[in-house]
């Protein structure tokens, strides 16, 4: 995968590390692990309805999903969730706990870990912002076509919870 070591410049070579073959540097010994991307999503609920965004970027452009995105290298995942909500919808939220951890294989040796948080709306009027075409509040009975199966799994659990509470 890496043609040259980013530490010493030597050409990397495949090496068995544990049970996996990874690129490694014969010069300095650095191993190039293949780490998953970390993604966060927010389940923002108000009066038995959930806030969703219609995506304006690939993958899933034109489809719906929970506000969310990638975690920056220097950022706590919950802070990333708050940031993504603000960037995509203009609302301020606070995290109320991790509700789901999922792993997704993206193919070609890449993967993602998706951390879904329950989030409470603090202030703001939801509107389309960065990377979104529109926003909407949906009941469990009217969920639109979703961009990602990971969002679907979280929203199915949410819908069951809403029904059991008799909110919707």
N, C-alpha and C. Protein backbone atom coordinates (compact mmCIF):
# COMPACT_ATOMS: atom_id res chain seq x y z
N UNK A 1 0.83 -1.19 0.00
CA UNK A 1 0.00 0.00 0.00
C UNK A 1 0.88 1.26 0.00
N UNK A 2 1.77 1.40 0.96
CA UNK A 2 2.72 2.51 0.96
C UNK A 2 3.93 2.10 0.13
N UNK A 3 4.29 2.90 -0.83
CA UNK A 3 5.44 2.57 -1.65
C UNK A 3 6.75 2.89 -0.92
N UNK A 4 6.73 3.98 -0.13
CA UNK A 4 7.93 4.40 0.58
C UNK A 4 7.58 4.78 2.01
N UNK A 5 8.51 4.55 2.91
CA UNK A 5 8.33 4.88 4.32
C UNK A 5 8.30 6.39 4.50
N UNK A 6 7.30 6.88 5.22
CA UNK A 6 7.20 8.32 5.46
C UNK A 6 8.19 8.79 6.53
N UNK A 7 8.83 7.85 7.24
CA UNK A 7 9.82 8.23 8.25
C UNK A 7 11.23 8.32 7.68
N UNK A 8 11.65 7.29 6.91
CA UNK A 8 13.04 7.26 6.45
C UNK A 8 13.20 7.21 4.94
N UNK A 9 12.11 7.02 4.21
CA UNK A 9 12.18 7.04 2.75
C UNK A 9 12.49 5.71 2.09
N UNK A 10 12.74 4.66 2.87
CA UNK A 10 13.02 3.34 2.28
C UNK A 10 11.76 2.79 1.63
N UNK A 11 11.94 1.92 0.63
CA UNK A 11 10.80 1.27 -0.01
C UNK A 11 10.22 0.26 0.98
N UNK A 12 8.91 0.28 1.17
CA UNK A 12 8.27 -0.65 2.10
C UNK A 12 8.12 -2.01 1.44
N UNK A 13 7.97 -3.01 2.30
CA UNK A 13 7.80 -4.39 1.85
C UNK A 13 6.70 -5.03 2.67
N UNK A 14 5.97 -5.97 2.07
CA UNK A 14 4.95 -6.70 2.85
C UNK A 14 5.62 -7.54 3.94
N UNK A 15 5.01 -7.55 5.13
CA UNK A 15 5.54 -8.33 6.24
C UNK A 15 4.38 -8.88 7.05
N UNK A 16 4.51 -10.13 7.49
CA UNK A 16 3.50 -10.74 8.32
C UNK A 16 3.61 -10.15 9.73
N UNK A 17 2.55 -9.52 10.19
CA UNK A 17 2.49 -8.94 11.53
C UNK A 17 1.28 -9.59 12.21
N UNK A 18 1.55 -10.47 13.14
CA UNK A 18 0.47 -11.24 13.74
C UNK A 18 -0.09 -12.18 12.69
N UNK A 19 -1.35 -11.99 12.35
CA UNK A 19 -1.99 -12.83 11.33
C UNK A 19 -2.26 -12.08 10.03
N UNK A 20 -1.77 -10.84 9.94
CA UNK A 20 -2.03 -10.01 8.76
C UNK A 20 -0.75 -9.61 8.06
N UNK A 21 -0.84 -9.47 6.76
CA UNK A 21 0.29 -8.96 5.99
C UNK A 21 0.10 -7.45 5.85
N UNK A 22 1.09 -6.71 6.34
CA UNK A 22 1.05 -5.25 6.31
C UNK A 22 2.33 -4.72 5.67
N UNK A 23 2.26 -3.48 5.17
CA UNK A 23 3.48 -2.84 4.68
C UNK A 23 4.35 -2.48 5.87
N UNK A 24 5.64 -2.71 5.72
CA UNK A 24 6.60 -2.39 6.77
C UNK A 24 7.88 -1.89 6.13
N UNK A 25 8.62 -1.11 6.90
CA UNK A 25 9.87 -0.55 6.40
C UNK A 25 11.04 -1.41 6.87
N UNK A 26 11.83 -1.94 5.94
CA UNK A 26 13.00 -2.72 6.34
C UNK A 26 14.10 -1.83 6.90
N UNK A 27 14.06 -0.53 6.59
CA UNK A 27 15.09 0.39 7.06
C UNK A 27 14.95 0.77 8.52
N UNK A 28 13.76 1.23 8.91
CA UNK A 28 13.58 1.71 10.28
C UNK A 28 12.62 0.85 11.09
N UNK A 29 11.94 -0.11 10.44
CA UNK A 29 11.07 -1.03 11.15
C UNK A 29 9.63 -0.56 11.32
N UNK A 30 9.28 0.62 10.83
CA UNK A 30 7.93 1.12 10.99
C UNK A 30 6.93 0.21 10.28
N UNK A 31 5.81 -0.07 10.96
CA UNK A 31 4.73 -0.87 10.39
C UNK A 31 3.59 0.09 10.04
N UNK A 32 3.03 -0.07 8.87
CA UNK A 32 1.93 0.79 8.42
C UNK A 32 0.62 0.06 8.62
N UNK A 33 0.00 0.31 9.79
CA UNK A 33 -1.27 -0.31 10.12
C UNK A 33 -2.38 0.34 9.30
N UNK A 34 -3.38 -0.44 9.01
CA UNK A 34 -4.53 0.06 8.26
C UNK A 34 -5.65 0.34 9.24
N UNK A 35 -5.77 1.59 9.64
CA UNK A 35 -6.74 1.99 10.65
C UNK A 35 -8.06 2.40 10.01
N UNK A 36 -9.17 2.10 10.68
CA UNK A 36 -10.47 2.53 10.16
C UNK A 36 -10.67 4.02 10.39
N UNK A 37 -11.48 4.63 9.55
CA UNK A 37 -11.93 6.00 9.77
C UNK A 37 -12.95 5.95 10.91
N UNK A 38 -13.05 7.03 11.67
CA UNK A 38 -14.05 7.12 12.72
C UNK A 38 -15.10 8.14 12.27
N UNK A 39 -16.36 7.69 12.29
CA UNK A 39 -17.49 8.49 11.85
C UNK A 39 -18.45 8.64 13.02
N UNK A 40 -19.08 9.81 13.14
CA UNK A 40 -20.09 10.03 14.17
C UNK A 40 -21.41 10.41 13.52
N UNK A 41 -22.51 10.03 14.16
CA UNK A 41 -23.84 10.48 13.75
C UNK A 41 -24.60 10.93 14.98
N UNK A 42 -25.62 11.77 14.73
CA UNK A 42 -26.43 12.31 15.83
C UNK A 42 -27.88 11.93 15.65
N UNK A 43 -28.47 11.36 16.68
CA UNK A 43 -29.90 11.10 16.72
C UNK A 43 -30.51 12.23 17.54
N UNK A 44 -31.07 13.21 16.83
CA UNK A 44 -31.68 14.38 17.47
C UNK A 44 -33.19 14.19 17.37
N UNK A 45 -33.83 14.08 18.53
CA UNK A 45 -35.27 13.83 18.57
C UNK A 45 -35.99 15.03 19.18
N UNK A 46 -37.16 15.32 18.61
CA UNK A 46 -38.03 16.36 19.15
C UNK A 46 -39.47 15.92 18.95
N UNK A 47 -40.21 15.77 20.04
CA UNK A 47 -41.63 15.43 20.00
C UNK A 47 -41.92 14.20 19.13
N UNK A 48 -41.12 13.16 19.29
CA UNK A 48 -41.34 11.92 18.57
C UNK A 48 -40.92 11.95 17.11
N UNK A 49 -40.14 12.96 16.73
CA UNK A 49 -39.64 13.07 15.36
C UNK A 49 -38.12 13.20 15.41
N UNK A 50 -37.46 12.73 14.37
CA UNK A 50 -36.00 12.74 14.32
C UNK A 50 -35.54 13.69 13.21
N UNK A 51 -34.45 14.38 13.47
CA UNK A 51 -33.87 15.31 12.51
C UNK A 51 -32.99 14.55 11.52
N UNK A 52 -33.30 14.68 10.23
CA UNK A 52 -32.50 14.06 9.17
C UNK A 52 -32.10 15.11 8.15
N UNK A 53 -31.02 14.80 7.42
CA UNK A 53 -30.52 15.70 6.37
C UNK A 53 -30.51 14.95 5.05
N UNK A 54 -30.85 15.67 3.98
CA UNK A 54 -30.69 15.11 2.64
C UNK A 54 -29.28 15.49 2.19
N UNK A 55 -28.49 14.47 1.91
CA UNK A 55 -27.07 14.65 1.61
C UNK A 55 -26.84 15.35 0.26
N UNK A 56 -25.86 16.25 0.25
CA UNK A 56 -25.49 16.94 -0.98
C UNK A 56 -24.09 16.53 -1.44
N UNK A 57 -23.56 15.45 -0.88
CA UNK A 57 -22.25 14.91 -1.27
C UNK A 57 -22.35 13.40 -1.40
N UNK A 58 -21.41 12.84 -2.12
CA UNK A 58 -21.30 11.37 -2.22
C UNK A 58 -20.49 10.88 -1.03
N UNK A 59 -20.72 9.69 -0.60
CA UNK A 59 -21.71 8.74 -1.10
C UNK A 59 -23.11 9.09 -0.61
N UNK A 60 -24.09 8.67 -1.35
CA UNK A 60 -25.48 8.85 -0.94
C UNK A 60 -26.07 10.21 -1.24
N UNK A 61 -25.50 10.94 -2.19
CA UNK A 61 -26.03 12.27 -2.52
C UNK A 61 -27.50 12.14 -2.90
N UNK A 62 -28.34 13.00 -2.32
CA UNK A 62 -29.77 12.99 -2.58
C UNK A 62 -30.58 12.10 -1.65
N UNK A 63 -29.90 11.26 -0.89
CA UNK A 63 -30.57 10.40 0.08
C UNK A 63 -30.47 11.03 1.47
N UNK A 64 -31.21 10.46 2.39
CA UNK A 64 -31.31 11.04 3.73
C UNK A 64 -30.43 10.30 4.73
N UNK A 65 -30.08 10.99 5.80
CA UNK A 65 -29.32 10.38 6.88
C UNK A 65 -29.32 11.27 8.11
N UNK A 66 -28.77 10.75 9.16
CA UNK A 66 -28.62 11.53 10.38
C UNK A 66 -27.46 12.50 10.18
N UNK A 67 -27.49 13.66 10.82
CA UNK A 67 -26.33 14.55 10.73
C UNK A 67 -25.10 13.82 11.24
N UNK A 68 -23.98 14.04 10.59
CA UNK A 68 -22.76 13.38 11.04
C UNK A 68 -21.64 13.49 10.05
N UNK A 69 -20.50 12.88 10.41
CA UNK A 69 -19.35 12.90 9.52
C UNK A 69 -18.11 12.37 10.22
N UNK A 70 -16.98 12.63 9.59
CA UNK A 70 -15.71 12.12 10.09
C UNK A 70 -15.22 12.89 11.32
N UNK A 71 -14.55 12.16 12.19
CA UNK A 71 -13.90 12.74 13.36
C UNK A 71 -12.50 13.19 12.94
N UNK A 72 -12.15 14.43 13.29
CA UNK A 72 -10.80 14.91 13.02
C UNK A 72 -9.82 14.25 13.98
N UNK A 73 -8.56 14.17 13.59
CA UNK A 73 -7.54 13.44 14.35
C UNK A 73 -7.38 13.97 15.78
N UNK A 74 -7.65 15.25 16.01
CA UNK A 74 -7.41 15.86 17.33
C UNK A 74 -8.71 16.15 18.08
N UNK A 75 -9.77 15.45 17.75
CA UNK A 75 -11.10 15.79 18.23
C UNK A 75 -11.74 14.60 18.96
N UNK A 76 -12.40 14.87 20.06
CA UNK A 76 -13.17 13.83 20.74
C UNK A 76 -14.39 13.52 19.87
N UNK A 77 -14.77 12.25 19.74
CA UNK A 77 -15.91 11.92 18.89
C UNK A 77 -17.20 12.67 19.24
N UNK A 78 -17.49 12.85 20.51
CA UNK A 78 -18.71 13.58 20.86
C UNK A 78 -18.64 15.04 20.42
N UNK A 79 -17.46 15.64 20.52
CA UNK A 79 -17.29 17.02 20.04
C UNK A 79 -17.46 17.08 18.53
N UNK A 80 -17.02 16.04 17.83
CA UNK A 80 -17.20 15.98 16.38
C UNK A 80 -18.68 15.90 16.03
N UNK A 81 -19.45 15.15 16.80
CA UNK A 81 -20.88 15.04 16.57
C UNK A 81 -21.55 16.41 16.72
N UNK A 82 -21.18 17.14 17.75
CA UNK A 82 -21.73 18.48 17.98
C UNK A 82 -21.36 19.40 16.81
N UNK A 83 -20.11 19.35 16.39
CA UNK A 83 -19.63 20.17 15.27
C UNK A 83 -20.38 19.84 13.99
N UNK A 84 -20.52 18.55 13.69
CA UNK A 84 -21.20 18.13 12.46
C UNK A 84 -22.65 18.60 12.44
N UNK A 85 -23.34 18.53 13.58
CA UNK A 85 -24.73 19.02 13.64
C UNK A 85 -24.79 20.51 13.32
N UNK A 86 -23.88 21.26 13.90
CA UNK A 86 -23.83 22.70 13.66
C UNK A 86 -23.52 23.00 12.19
N UNK A 87 -22.52 22.31 11.64
CA UNK A 87 -22.12 22.55 10.25
C UNK A 87 -23.21 22.18 9.25
N UNK A 88 -23.90 21.06 9.49
CA UNK A 88 -24.87 20.56 8.51
C UNK A 88 -26.27 21.11 8.67
N UNK A 89 -26.64 21.51 9.91
CA UNK A 89 -28.02 21.93 10.14
C UNK A 89 -28.16 23.28 10.83
N UNK A 90 -27.09 23.81 11.38
CA UNK A 90 -27.16 25.08 12.08
C UNK A 90 -27.65 25.00 13.51
N UNK A 91 -27.97 23.81 14.01
CA UNK A 91 -28.47 23.70 15.38
C UNK A 91 -27.33 23.36 16.34
N UNK A 92 -27.52 23.79 17.57
CA UNK A 92 -26.60 23.45 18.65
C UNK A 92 -27.21 22.30 19.44
N UNK A 93 -26.41 21.27 19.66
CA UNK A 93 -26.85 20.10 20.41
C UNK A 93 -25.84 19.78 21.50
N UNK A 94 -26.28 18.95 22.42
CA UNK A 94 -25.39 18.39 23.43
C UNK A 94 -25.57 16.88 23.40
N UNK A 95 -24.48 16.16 23.52
CA UNK A 95 -24.55 14.71 23.51
C UNK A 95 -25.18 14.18 24.78
N UNK A 96 -26.00 13.13 24.61
CA UNK A 96 -26.64 12.49 25.77
C UNK A 96 -26.32 11.02 25.83
N UNK A 97 -25.19 10.64 25.25
CA UNK A 97 -24.75 9.26 25.37
C UNK A 97 -24.61 8.53 24.05
N UNK A 98 -23.70 7.62 24.05
CA UNK A 98 -23.43 6.75 22.90
C UNK A 98 -24.52 5.69 22.83
N UNK A 99 -25.14 5.53 21.65
CA UNK A 99 -26.23 4.56 21.53
C UNK A 99 -25.91 3.41 20.60
N UNK A 100 -24.84 3.54 19.80
CA UNK A 100 -24.53 2.46 18.86
C UNK A 100 -23.07 2.56 18.42
N UNK A 101 -22.44 1.40 18.27
CA UNK A 101 -21.11 1.30 17.68
C UNK A 101 -21.21 0.25 16.59
N UNK A 102 -20.87 0.64 15.36
CA UNK A 102 -20.96 -0.27 14.22
C UNK A 102 -19.66 -0.24 13.43
N UNK A 103 -19.32 -1.35 12.83
CA UNK A 103 -18.17 -1.41 11.93
C UNK A 103 -18.66 -1.63 10.52
N UNK A 104 -18.07 -0.91 9.58
CA UNK A 104 -18.44 -1.02 8.18
C UNK A 104 -17.19 -1.26 7.35
N UNK A 105 -17.24 -2.26 6.49
CA UNK A 105 -16.15 -2.48 5.54
C UNK A 105 -16.45 -1.66 4.30
N UNK A 106 -15.54 -0.78 3.95
CA UNK A 106 -15.74 0.10 2.80
C UNK A 106 -15.15 -0.47 1.53
N UNK A 107 -14.55 -1.65 1.64
CA UNK A 107 -13.92 -2.27 0.47
C UNK A 107 -12.52 -1.74 0.25
N UNK A 108 -11.78 -2.43 -0.58
CA UNK A 108 -10.40 -2.07 -0.92
C UNK A 108 -9.54 -1.85 0.32
N UNK A 109 -9.77 -2.66 1.35
CA UNK A 109 -8.94 -2.60 2.55
C UNK A 109 -9.24 -1.45 3.48
N UNK A 110 -10.36 -0.76 3.28
CA UNK A 110 -10.72 0.36 4.15
C UNK A 110 -11.95 0.02 4.96
N UNK A 111 -12.05 0.64 6.12
CA UNK A 111 -13.20 0.43 6.98
C UNK A 111 -13.51 1.67 7.79
N UNK A 112 -14.65 1.65 8.45
CA UNK A 112 -15.06 2.76 9.31
C UNK A 112 -15.70 2.20 10.57
N UNK A 113 -15.53 2.92 11.65
CA UNK A 113 -16.24 2.66 12.89
C UNK A 113 -17.21 3.82 13.06
N UNK A 114 -18.50 3.50 13.14
CA UNK A 114 -19.55 4.51 13.22
C UNK A 114 -20.07 4.56 14.65
N UNK A 115 -19.89 5.72 15.28
CA UNK A 115 -20.36 5.96 16.65
C UNK A 115 -21.60 6.85 16.57
N UNK A 116 -22.73 6.33 17.02
CA UNK A 116 -23.96 7.10 16.99
C UNK A 116 -24.30 7.57 18.41
N UNK A 117 -24.58 8.86 18.51
CA UNK A 117 -24.91 9.49 19.79
C UNK A 117 -26.35 9.96 19.80
N UNK A 118 -26.98 9.87 20.95
CA UNK A 118 -28.24 10.58 21.16
C UNK A 118 -27.84 12.02 21.47
N UNK A 119 -28.55 12.98 20.87
CA UNK A 119 -28.22 14.39 21.08
C UNK A 119 -29.49 15.17 21.39
N UNK A 120 -29.37 16.10 22.32
CA UNK A 120 -30.50 16.96 22.71
C UNK A 120 -30.33 18.32 22.05
N UNK A 121 -31.39 18.78 21.44
CA UNK A 121 -31.40 20.09 20.79
C UNK A 121 -31.36 21.17 21.85
N UNK A 122 -30.37 22.06 21.76
CA UNK A 122 -30.26 23.17 22.70
C UNK A 122 -30.89 24.44 22.14
N UNK A 123 -30.52 24.76 20.88
CA UNK A 123 -31.04 25.98 20.26
C UNK A 123 -30.77 25.94 18.77
N UNK A 124 -31.51 26.80 18.09
CA UNK A 124 -31.33 26.94 16.65
C UNK A 124 -32.49 26.35 15.88
N UNK A 125 -32.66 26.85 14.66
CA UNK A 125 -33.67 26.37 13.74
C UNK A 125 -32.96 25.55 12.67
N UNK A 126 -33.31 24.32 12.52
CA UNK A 126 -32.62 23.45 11.56
C UNK A 126 -32.84 23.98 10.14
N UNK A 127 -31.73 24.08 9.41
CA UNK A 127 -31.76 24.50 8.01
C UNK A 127 -30.61 23.84 7.27
N UNK A 128 -30.74 23.71 5.96
CA UNK A 128 -29.69 23.09 5.16
C UNK A 128 -28.45 23.98 5.18
N UNK A 129 -27.32 23.37 5.45
CA UNK A 129 -26.04 24.08 5.47
C UNK A 129 -25.03 23.26 4.68
N UNK A 130 -23.79 23.18 5.18
CA UNK A 130 -22.73 22.46 4.49
C UNK A 130 -23.12 21.02 4.21
N UNK A 131 -22.93 20.60 2.97
CA UNK A 131 -23.08 19.21 2.55
C UNK A 131 -24.51 18.70 2.62
N UNK A 132 -25.51 19.59 2.79
CA UNK A 132 -26.90 19.15 2.86
C UNK A 132 -27.77 19.92 1.86
N UNK A 133 -28.73 19.23 1.26
CA UNK A 133 -29.68 19.86 0.36
C UNK A 133 -30.89 20.40 1.11
N UNK A 134 -31.32 19.66 2.13
CA UNK A 134 -32.45 20.08 2.96
C UNK A 134 -32.42 19.29 4.26
N UNK A 135 -33.21 19.75 5.21
CA UNK A 135 -33.35 19.07 6.49
C UNK A 135 -34.83 18.81 6.73
N UNK A 136 -35.13 17.85 7.59
CA UNK A 136 -36.52 17.57 7.92
C UNK A 136 -36.63 16.80 9.21
N UNK A 137 -37.81 16.90 9.81
CA UNK A 137 -38.14 16.15 11.02
C UNK A 137 -39.10 15.05 10.61
N UNK A 138 -38.78 13.80 10.97
CA UNK A 138 -39.55 12.65 10.51
C UNK A 138 -40.02 11.80 11.68
N UNK A 139 -41.26 11.34 11.58
CA UNK A 139 -41.78 10.40 12.57
C UNK A 139 -41.31 8.99 12.17
N UNK A 140 -41.46 8.02 13.08
CA UNK A 140 -41.06 6.65 12.73
C UNK A 140 -41.82 6.09 11.53
N UNK A 141 -43.02 6.60 11.27
CA UNK A 141 -43.86 6.08 10.18
C UNK A 141 -43.52 6.69 8.82
N UNK A 142 -42.71 7.74 8.79
CA UNK A 142 -42.46 8.44 7.53
C UNK A 142 -40.97 8.58 7.20
N UNK A 143 -40.17 7.65 7.68
CA UNK A 143 -38.73 7.75 7.41
C UNK A 143 -38.47 7.64 5.90
N UNK A 144 -37.63 8.52 5.36
CA UNK A 144 -37.34 8.50 3.93
C UNK A 144 -36.29 7.45 3.58
N UNK A 145 -35.96 7.37 2.30
CA UNK A 145 -34.91 6.45 1.84
C UNK A 145 -33.56 6.95 2.36
N UNK A 146 -32.85 6.05 3.04
CA UNK A 146 -31.61 6.41 3.73
C UNK A 146 -30.37 6.07 2.90
N UNK A 147 -29.33 6.85 3.11
CA UNK A 147 -28.08 6.65 2.40
C UNK A 147 -27.27 5.47 2.93
N UNK A 148 -27.41 5.16 4.22
CA UNK A 148 -26.55 4.16 4.84
C UNK A 148 -27.34 3.18 5.71
N UNK A 149 -26.97 1.92 5.63
CA UNK A 149 -27.60 0.88 6.46
C UNK A 149 -27.32 1.12 7.94
N UNK A 150 -26.18 1.70 8.27
CA UNK A 150 -25.87 1.98 9.68
C UNK A 150 -26.88 2.96 10.26
N UNK A 151 -27.29 3.96 9.48
CA UNK A 151 -28.30 4.91 9.95
C UNK A 151 -29.64 4.18 10.11
N UNK A 152 -29.95 3.30 9.16
CA UNK A 152 -31.19 2.54 9.22
C UNK A 152 -31.30 1.72 10.49
N UNK A 153 -30.21 1.08 10.89
CA UNK A 153 -30.23 0.26 12.10
C UNK A 153 -30.51 1.12 13.34
N UNK A 154 -29.88 2.27 13.42
CA UNK A 154 -30.09 3.16 14.56
C UNK A 154 -31.53 3.68 14.55
N UNK A 155 -32.02 4.07 13.38
CA UNK A 155 -33.37 4.63 13.29
C UNK A 155 -34.45 3.57 13.54
N UNK A 156 -34.20 2.32 13.17
CA UNK A 156 -35.16 1.26 13.49
C UNK A 156 -35.28 1.07 15.00
N UNK A 157 -34.14 1.09 15.69
CA UNK A 157 -34.16 0.97 17.16
C UNK A 157 -34.87 2.17 17.77
N UNK A 158 -34.62 3.36 17.23
CA UNK A 158 -35.28 4.58 17.71
C UNK A 158 -36.80 4.47 17.50
N UNK A 159 -37.22 4.00 16.33
CA UNK A 159 -38.65 3.88 16.03
C UNK A 159 -39.33 2.93 17.01
N UNK A 160 -38.68 1.81 17.32
CA UNK A 160 -39.24 0.88 18.30
C UNK A 160 -39.38 1.54 19.67
N UNK A 161 -38.37 2.32 20.04
CA UNK A 161 -38.38 3.01 21.34
C UNK A 161 -39.49 4.05 21.38
N UNK A 162 -39.65 4.83 20.31
CA UNK A 162 -40.71 5.84 20.25
C UNK A 162 -42.07 5.17 20.38
N UNK A 163 -42.28 4.07 19.68
CA UNK A 163 -43.58 3.37 19.75
C UNK A 163 -43.82 2.84 21.17
N UNK A 164 -42.78 2.29 21.80
CA UNK A 164 -42.96 1.74 23.14
C UNK A 164 -43.26 2.83 24.16
N UNK A 165 -42.79 4.05 23.91
CA UNK A 165 -43.08 5.18 24.80
C UNK A 165 -44.44 5.82 24.49
N UNK A 166 -45.03 5.43 23.35
CA UNK A 166 -46.32 5.98 22.96
C UNK A 166 -46.24 7.43 22.54
N UNK A 167 -45.08 7.84 22.04
CA UNK A 167 -44.87 9.24 21.62
C UNK A 167 -45.47 9.48 20.25
N UNK A 168 -45.31 8.52 19.35
CA UNK A 168 -45.78 8.74 17.97
C UNK A 168 -47.06 7.99 17.70
